[in-house]
Amino acid sequence: FEITKHELFQERFVATFASWCTRN
């Protein structure tokens, strides 16, 4: 369960944030 949370946080928060910065 903790690993799944970690993956979702990485993919949905960190990666989304990084992608937004790259686009801008």
PDB file of all heavy atoms in Angstrom:
ATOM      1  N   PHE A   1       0.827  -1.193   0.000  1.00  0.00           N
ATOM      2  CA  PHE A   1       0.000   0.000   0.000  1.00  0.00           C
ATOM      3  C   PHE A   1       0.870   1.256   0.000  1.00  0.00           C
ATOM      4  O   PHE A   1       0.623   2.218  -0.755  1.00  0.00           O
ATOM      5  CB  PHE A   1      -0.922  -0.014   1.219  1.00  0.00           C
ATOM      6  CG  PHE A   1      -1.852   1.170   1.318  1.00  0.00           C
ATOM      7  CD1 PHE A   1      -2.584   1.602   0.214  1.00  0.00           C
ATOM      8  CD2 PHE A   1      -2.016   1.845   2.519  1.00  0.00           C
ATOM      9  CE1 PHE A   1      -3.450   2.686   0.302  1.00  0.00           C
ATOM     10  CE2 PHE A   1      -2.882   2.920   2.619  1.00  0.00           C
ATOM     11  CZ  PHE A   1      -3.593   3.349   1.520  1.00  0.00           C
ATOM     12  N   GLU A   2       1.921   1.252   0.812  1.00  0.00           N
ATOM     13  CA  GLU A   2       2.812   2.405   0.868  1.00  0.00           C
ATOM     14  C   GLU A   2       3.560   2.594  -0.451  1.00  0.00           C
ATOM     15  O   GLU A   2       3.766   3.729  -0.901  1.00  0.00           O
ATOM     16  CB  GLU A   2       3.806   2.260   2.032  1.00  0.00           C
ATOM     17  CG  GLU A   2       3.166   2.300   3.411  1.00  0.00           C
ATOM     18  CD  GLU A   2       2.441   3.610   3.674  1.00  0.00           C
ATOM     19  OE1 GLU A   2       2.947   4.669   3.252  1.00  0.00           O
ATOM     20  OE2 GLU A   2       1.357   3.571   4.292  1.00  0.00           O
ATOM     21  N   ILE A   3       3.975   1.505  -1.071  1.00  0.00           N
ATOM     22  CA  ILE A   3       4.652   1.591  -2.364  1.00  0.00           C
ATOM     23  C   ILE A   3       3.710   2.180  -3.416  1.00  0.00           C
ATOM     24  O   ILE A   3       4.101   3.015  -4.243  1.00  0.00           O
ATOM     25  CB  ILE A   3       5.152   0.206  -2.818  1.00  0.00           C
ATOM     26  CG1 ILE A   3       6.359  -0.225  -1.973  1.00  0.00           C
ATOM     27  CG2 ILE A   3       5.524   0.215  -4.299  1.00  0.00           C
ATOM     28  CD1 ILE A   3       7.586   0.635  -2.176  1.00  0.00           C
ATOM     29  N   THR A   4       2.455   1.760  -3.386  1.00  0.00           N
ATOM     30  CA  THR A   4       1.471   2.280  -4.344  1.00  0.00           C
ATOM     31  C   THR A   4       1.271   3.777  -4.133  1.00  0.00           C
ATOM     32  O   THR A   4       1.218   4.550  -5.108  1.00  0.00           O
ATOM     33  CB  THR A   4       0.137   1.537  -4.192  1.00  0.00           C
ATOM     34  OG1 THR A   4       0.346   0.135  -4.405  1.00  0.00           O
ATOM     35  CG2 THR A   4      -0.893   2.044  -5.196  1.00  0.00           C
ATOM     36  N   LYS A   5       1.152   4.206  -2.891  1.00  0.00           N
ATOM     37  CA  LYS A   5       1.038   5.638  -2.600  1.00  0.00           C
ATOM     38  C   LYS A   5       2.261   6.398  -3.111  1.00  0.00           C
ATOM     39  O   LYS A   5       2.133   7.476  -3.704  1.00  0.00           O
ATOM     40  CB  LYS A   5       0.879   5.858  -1.095  1.00  0.00           C
ATOM     41  CG  LYS A   5      -0.465   5.463  -0.528  1.00  0.00           C
ATOM     42  CD  LYS A   5      -0.418   5.354   0.986  1.00  0.00           C
ATOM     43  CE  LYS A   5       0.183   6.569   1.645  1.00  0.00           C
ATOM     44  NZ  LYS A   5       0.297   6.404   3.109  1.00  0.00           N
ATOM     45  N   HIS A   6       3.431   5.834  -2.870  1.00  0.00           N
ATOM     46  CA  HIS A   6       4.678   6.472  -3.329  1.00  0.00           C
ATOM     47  C   HIS A   6       4.678   6.638  -4.846  1.00  0.00           C
ATOM     48  O   HIS A   6       5.028   7.700  -5.365  1.00  0.00           O
ATOM     49  CB  HIS A   6       5.863   5.615  -2.881  1.00  0.00           C
ATOM     50  CG  HIS A   6       7.187   6.104  -3.364  1.00  0.00           C
ATOM     51  ND1 HIS A   6       7.981   6.960  -2.628  1.00  0.00           N
ATOM     52  CD2 HIS A   6       7.868   5.874  -4.514  1.00  0.00           C
ATOM     53  CE1 HIS A   6       9.084   7.230  -3.310  1.00  0.00           C
ATOM     54  NE2 HIS A   6       9.042   6.579  -4.447  1.00  0.00           N
ATOM     55  N   GLU A   7       4.281   5.600  -5.549  1.00  0.00           N
ATOM     56  CA  GLU A   7       4.253   5.664  -7.014  1.00  0.00           C
ATOM     57  C   GLU A   7       3.269   6.714  -7.507  1.00  0.00           C
ATOM     58  O   GLU A   7       3.570   7.483  -8.431  1.00  0.00           O
ATOM     59  CB  GLU A   7       3.900   4.286  -7.580  1.00  0.00           C
ATOM     60  CG  GLU A   7       4.978   3.236  -7.376  1.00  0.00           C
ATOM     61  CD  GLU A   7       4.524   1.843  -7.771  1.00  0.00           C
ATOM     62  OE1 GLU A   7       3.317   1.659  -8.072  1.00  0.00           O
ATOM     63  OE2 GLU A   7       5.373   0.925  -7.774  1.00  0.00           O
ATOM     64  N   LEU A   8       2.082   6.735  -6.913  1.00  0.00           N
ATOM     65  CA  LEU A   8       1.077   7.701  -7.342  1.00  0.00           C
ATOM     66  C   LEU A   8       1.522   9.126  -7.053  1.00  0.00           C
ATOM     67  O   LEU A   8       1.290  10.037  -7.860  1.00  0.00           O
ATOM     68  CB  LEU A   8      -0.259   7.410  -6.642  1.00  0.00           C
ATOM     69  CG  LEU A   8      -0.964   6.125  -7.069  1.00  0.00           C
ATOM     70  CD1 LEU A   8      -2.209   5.889  -6.218  1.00  0.00           C
ATOM     71  CD2 LEU A   8      -1.345   6.181  -8.547  1.00  0.00           C
ATOM     72  N   PHE A   9       2.157   9.346  -5.918  1.00  0.00           N
ATOM     73  CA  PHE A   9       2.653  10.677  -5.584  1.00  0.00           C
ATOM     74  C   PHE A   9       3.717  11.119  -6.587  1.00  0.00           C
ATOM     75  O   PHE A   9       3.720  12.258  -7.061  1.00  0.00           O
ATOM     76  CB  PHE A   9       3.237  10.668  -4.172  1.00  0.00           C
ATOM     77  CG  PHE A   9       3.649  12.032  -3.682  1.00  0.00           C
ATOM     78  CD1 PHE A   9       2.749  12.836  -3.003  1.00  0.00           C
ATOM     79  CD2 PHE A   9       4.929  12.503  -3.892  1.00  0.00           C
ATOM     80  CE1 PHE A   9       3.125  14.096  -2.552  1.00  0.00           C
ATOM     81  CE2 PHE A   9       5.313  13.760  -3.446  1.00  0.00           C
ATOM     82  CZ  PHE A   9       4.406  14.551  -2.771  1.00  0.00           C
ATOM     83  N   GLN A  10       4.607  10.205  -6.923  1.00  0.00           N
ATOM     84  CA  GLN A  10       5.659  10.511  -7.885  1.00  0.00           C
ATOM     85  C   GLN A  10       5.075  10.835  -9.259  1.00  0.00           C
ATOM     86  O   GLN A  10       5.463  11.812  -9.910  1.00  0.00           O
ATOM     87  CB  GLN A  10       6.631   9.331  -7.992  1.00  0.00           C
ATOM     88  CG  GLN A  10       7.573   9.361  -9.178  1.00  0.00           C
ATOM     89  CD  GLN A  10       8.602  10.466  -9.097  1.00  0.00           C
ATOM     90  OE1 GLN A  10       8.845  11.003  -8.021  1.00  0.00           O
ATOM     91  NE2 GLN A  10       9.208  10.803 -10.227  1.00  0.00           N
ATOM     92  N   GLU A  11       4.135  10.005  -9.701  1.00  0.00           N
ATOM     93  CA  GLU A  11       3.581  10.155 -11.045  1.00  0.00           C
ATOM     94  C   GLU A  11       2.615  11.329 -11.149  1.00  0.00           C
ATOM     95  O   GLU A  11       2.609  12.061 -12.146  1.00  0.00           O
ATOM     96  CB  GLU A  11       2.860   8.867 -11.450  1.00  0.00           C
ATOM     97  CG  GLU A  11       3.773   7.650 -11.570  1.00  0.00           C
ATOM     98  CD  GLU A  11       2.997   6.349 -11.644  1.00  0.00           C
ATOM     99  OE1 GLU A  11       1.751   6.412 -11.840  1.00  0.00           O
ATOM    100  OE2 GLU A  11       3.602   5.279 -11.489  1.00  0.00           O
ATOM    101  N   ARG A  12       1.791  11.502 -10.114  1.00  0.00           N
ATOM    102  CA  ARG A  12       0.676  12.430 -10.236  1.00  0.00           C
ATOM    103  C   ARG A  12       0.960  13.812  -9.658  1.00  0.00           C
ATOM    104  O   ARG A  12       0.330  14.792 -10.072  1.00  0.00           O
ATOM    105  CB  ARG A  12      -0.571  11.827  -9.583  1.00  0.00           C
ATOM    106  CG  ARG A  12      -1.023  10.566 -10.297  1.00  0.00           C
ATOM    107  CD  ARG A  12      -2.259   9.961  -9.678  1.00  0.00           C
ATOM    108  NE  ARG A  12      -2.773   8.846 -10.488  1.00  0.00           N
ATOM    109  CZ  ARG A  12      -3.888   8.189 -10.225  1.00  0.00           C
ATOM    110  NH1 ARG A  12      -4.622   8.522  -9.166  1.00  0.00           N
ATOM    111  NH2 ARG A  12      -4.275   7.200 -11.017  1.00  0.00           N
ATOM    112  N   PHE A  13       1.888  13.879  -8.708  1.00  0.00           N
ATOM    113  CA  PHE A  13       2.267  15.195  -8.202  1.00  0.00           C
ATOM    114  C   PHE A  13       3.622  15.638  -8.750  1.00  0.00           C
ATOM    115  O   PHE A  13       3.718  16.634  -9.465  1.00  0.00           O
ATOM    116  CB  PHE A  13       2.286  15.221  -6.676  1.00  0.00           C
ATOM    117  CG  PHE A  13       2.736  16.557  -6.145  1.00  0.00           C
ATOM    118  CD1 PHE A  13       1.908  17.657  -6.233  1.00  0.00           C
ATOM    119  CD2 PHE A  13       3.991  16.721  -5.604  1.00  0.00           C
ATOM    120  CE1 PHE A  13       2.324  18.910  -5.786  1.00  0.00           C
ATOM    121  CE2 PHE A  13       4.424  17.958  -5.145  1.00  0.00           C
ATOM    122  CZ  PHE A  13       3.584  19.054  -5.238  1.00  0.00           C
ATOM    123  N   VAL A  14       4.674  14.907  -8.431  1.00  0.00           N
ATOM    124  CA  VAL A  14       6.020  15.337  -8.826  1.00  0.00           C
ATOM    125  C   VAL A  14       6.150  15.432 -10.346  1.00  0.00           C
ATOM    126  O   VAL A  14       6.600  16.441 -10.884  1.00  0.00           O
ATOM    127  CB  VAL A  14       7.083  14.388  -8.245  1.00  0.00           C
ATOM    128  CG1 VAL A  14       8.479  14.779  -8.750  1.00  0.00           C
ATOM    129  CG2 VAL A  14       7.058  14.401  -6.722  1.00  0.00           C
ATOM    130  N   ALA A  15       5.746  14.374 -11.055  1.00  0.00           N
ATOM    131  CA  ALA A  15       5.897  14.373 -12.517  1.00  0.00           C
ATOM    132  C   ALA A  15       4.978  15.409 -13.167  1.00  0.00           C
ATOM    133  O   ALA A  15       5.358  16.049 -14.156  1.00  0.00           O
ATOM    134  CB  ALA A  15       5.609  12.981 -13.073  1.00  0.00           C
ATOM    135  N   THR A  16       3.774  15.590 -12.635  1.00  0.00           N
ATOM    136  CA  THR A  16       2.859  16.593 -13.187  1.00  0.00           C
ATOM    137  C   THR A  16       3.430  17.995 -12.987  1.00  0.00           C
ATOM    138  O   THR A  16       3.364  18.849 -13.884  1.00  0.00           O
ATOM    139  CB  THR A  16       1.474  16.483 -12.532  1.00  0.00           C
ATOM    140  OG1 THR A  16       0.961  15.157 -12.726  1.00  0.00           O
ATOM    141  CG2 THR A  16       0.499  17.490 -13.126  1.00  0.00           C
ATOM    142  N   PHE A  17       3.993  18.239 -11.832  1.00  0.00           N
ATOM    143  CA  PHE A  17       4.624  19.523 -11.540  1.00  0.00           C
ATOM    144  C   PHE A  17       5.805  19.774 -12.476  1.00  0.00           C
ATOM    145  O   PHE A  17       5.948  20.854 -13.066  1.00  0.00           O
ATOM    146  CB  PHE A  17       5.067  19.543 -10.074  1.00  0.00           C
ATOM    147  CG  PHE A  17       5.797  20.785  -9.649  1.00  0.00           C
ATOM    148  CD1 PHE A  17       5.361  22.039 -10.031  1.00  0.00           C
ATOM    149  CD2 PHE A  17       6.913  20.698  -8.845  1.00  0.00           C
ATOM    150  CE1 PHE A  17       6.019  23.188  -9.634  1.00  0.00           C
ATOM    151  CE2 PHE A  17       7.591  21.834  -8.430  1.00  0.00           C
ATOM    152  CZ  PHE A  17       7.141  23.083  -8.821  1.00  0.00           C
ATOM    153  N   ALA A  18       6.657  18.756 -12.644  1.00  0.00           N
ATOM    154  CA  ALA A  18       7.824  18.904 -13.526  1.00  0.00           C
ATOM    155  C   ALA A  18       7.395  19.149 -14.966  1.00  0.00           C
ATOM    156  O   ALA A  18       7.977  19.989 -15.672  1.00  0.00           O
ATOM    157  CB  ALA A  18       8.702  17.661 -13.438  1.00  0.00           C
ATOM    158  N   SER A  19       6.360  18.434 -15.424  1.00  0.00           N
ATOM    159  CA  SER A  19       5.872  18.613 -16.790  1.00  0.00           C
ATOM    160  C   SER A  19       5.306  20.018 -16.988  1.00  0.00           C
ATOM    161  O   SER A  19       5.519  20.652 -18.032  1.00  0.00           O
ATOM    162  CB  SER A  19       4.806  17.555 -17.095  1.00  0.00           C
ATOM    163  OG  SER A  19       4.240  17.754 -18.366  1.00  0.00           O
ATOM    164  N   TRP A  20       4.588  20.503 -15.992  1.00  0.00           N
ATOM    165  CA  TRP A  20       4.037  21.866 -16.068  1.00  0.00           C
ATOM    166  C   TRP A  20       5.158  22.887 -16.182  1.00  0.00           C
ATOM    167  O   TRP A  20       5.081  23.832 -16.977  1.00  0.00           O
ATOM    168  CB  TRP A  20       3.177  22.106 -14.829  1.00  0.00           C
ATOM    169  CG  TRP A  20       2.615  23.485 -14.699  1.00  0.00           C
ATOM    170  CD1 TRP A  20       1.491  23.989 -15.282  1.00  0.00           C
ATOM    171  CD2 TRP A  20       3.144  24.548 -13.886  1.00  0.00           C
ATOM    172  NE1 TRP A  20       1.283  25.293 -14.908  1.00  0.00           N
ATOM    173  CE2 TRP A  20       2.279  25.655 -14.046  1.00  0.00           C
ATOM    174  CE3 TRP A  20       4.243  24.660 -13.050  1.00  0.00           C
ATOM    175  CZ2 TRP A  20       2.500  26.866 -13.390  1.00  0.00           C
ATOM    176  CZ3 TRP A  20       4.470  25.871 -12.393  1.00  0.00           C
ATOM    177  CH2 TRP A  20       3.608  26.949 -12.567  1.00  0.00           C
ATOM    178  N   CYS A  21       6.201  22.722 -15.389  1.00  0.00           N
ATOM    179  CA  CYS A  21       7.346  23.644 -15.462  1.00  0.00           C
ATOM    180  C   CYS A  21       8.002  23.597 -16.837  1.00  0.00           C
ATOM    181  O   CYS A  21       8.361  24.638 -17.402  1.00  0.00           O
ATOM    182  CB  CYS A  21       8.363  23.293 -14.375  1.00  0.00           C
ATOM    183  SG  CYS A  21       7.856  23.767 -12.712  1.00  0.00           S
ATOM    184  N   THR A  22       8.153  22.389 -17.381  1.00  0.00           N
ATOM    185  CA  THR A  22       8.781  22.247 -18.698  1.00  0.00           C
ATOM    186  C   THR A  22       7.958  22.943 -19.773  1.00  0.00           C
ATOM    187  O   THR A  22       8.499  23.649 -20.633  1.00  0.00           O
ATOM    188  CB  THR A  22       8.963  20.766 -19.043  1.00  0.00           C
ATOM    189  OG1 THR A  22       9.803  20.150 -18.057  1.00  0.00           O
ATOM    190  CG2 THR A  22       9.591  20.594 -20.413  1.00  0.00           C
ATOM    191  N   ARG A  23       6.652  22.751 -19.730  1.00  0.00           N
ATOM    192  CA  ARG A  23       5.786  23.400 -20.726  1.00  0.00           C
ATOM    193  C   ARG A  23       5.894  24.912 -20.647  1.00  0.00           C
ATOM    194  O   ARG A  23       5.964  25.595 -21.661  1.00  0.00           O
ATOM    195  CB  ARG A  23       4.329  22.971 -20.537  1.00  0.00           C
ATOM    196  CG  ARG A  23       4.037  21.529 -20.895  1.00  0.00           C
ATOM    197  CD  ARG A  23       2.538  21.310 -21.102  1.00  0.00           C
ATOM    198  NE  ARG A  23       1.721  21.876 -20.032  1.00  0.00           N
ATOM    199  CZ  ARG A  23       1.421  21.239 -18.907  1.00  0.00           C
ATOM    200  NH1 ARG A  23       1.927  20.035 -18.673  1.00  0.00           N
ATOM    201  NH2 ARG A  23       0.654  21.823 -17.991  1.00  0.00           N
ATOM    202  N   ASN A  24       5.902  25.440 -19.439  1.00  0.00           N
ATOM    203  CA  ASN A  24       5.973  26.892 -19.287  1.00  0.00           C
ATOM    204  C   ASN A  24       7.354  27.435 -19.595  1.00  0.00           C
ATOM    205  O   ASN A  24       7.489  28.584 -20.034  1.00  0.00           O
ATOM    206  CB  ASN A  24       5.530  27.296 -17.874  1.00  0.00           C
ATOM    207  CG  ASN A  24       4.024  27.281 -17.726  1.00  0.00           C
ATOM    208  OD1 ASN A  24       3.340  28.186 -18.174  1.00  0.00           O
ATOM    209  ND2 ASN A  24       3.499  26.216 -17.119  1.00  0.00           N
TER     210      ASN A  24
END
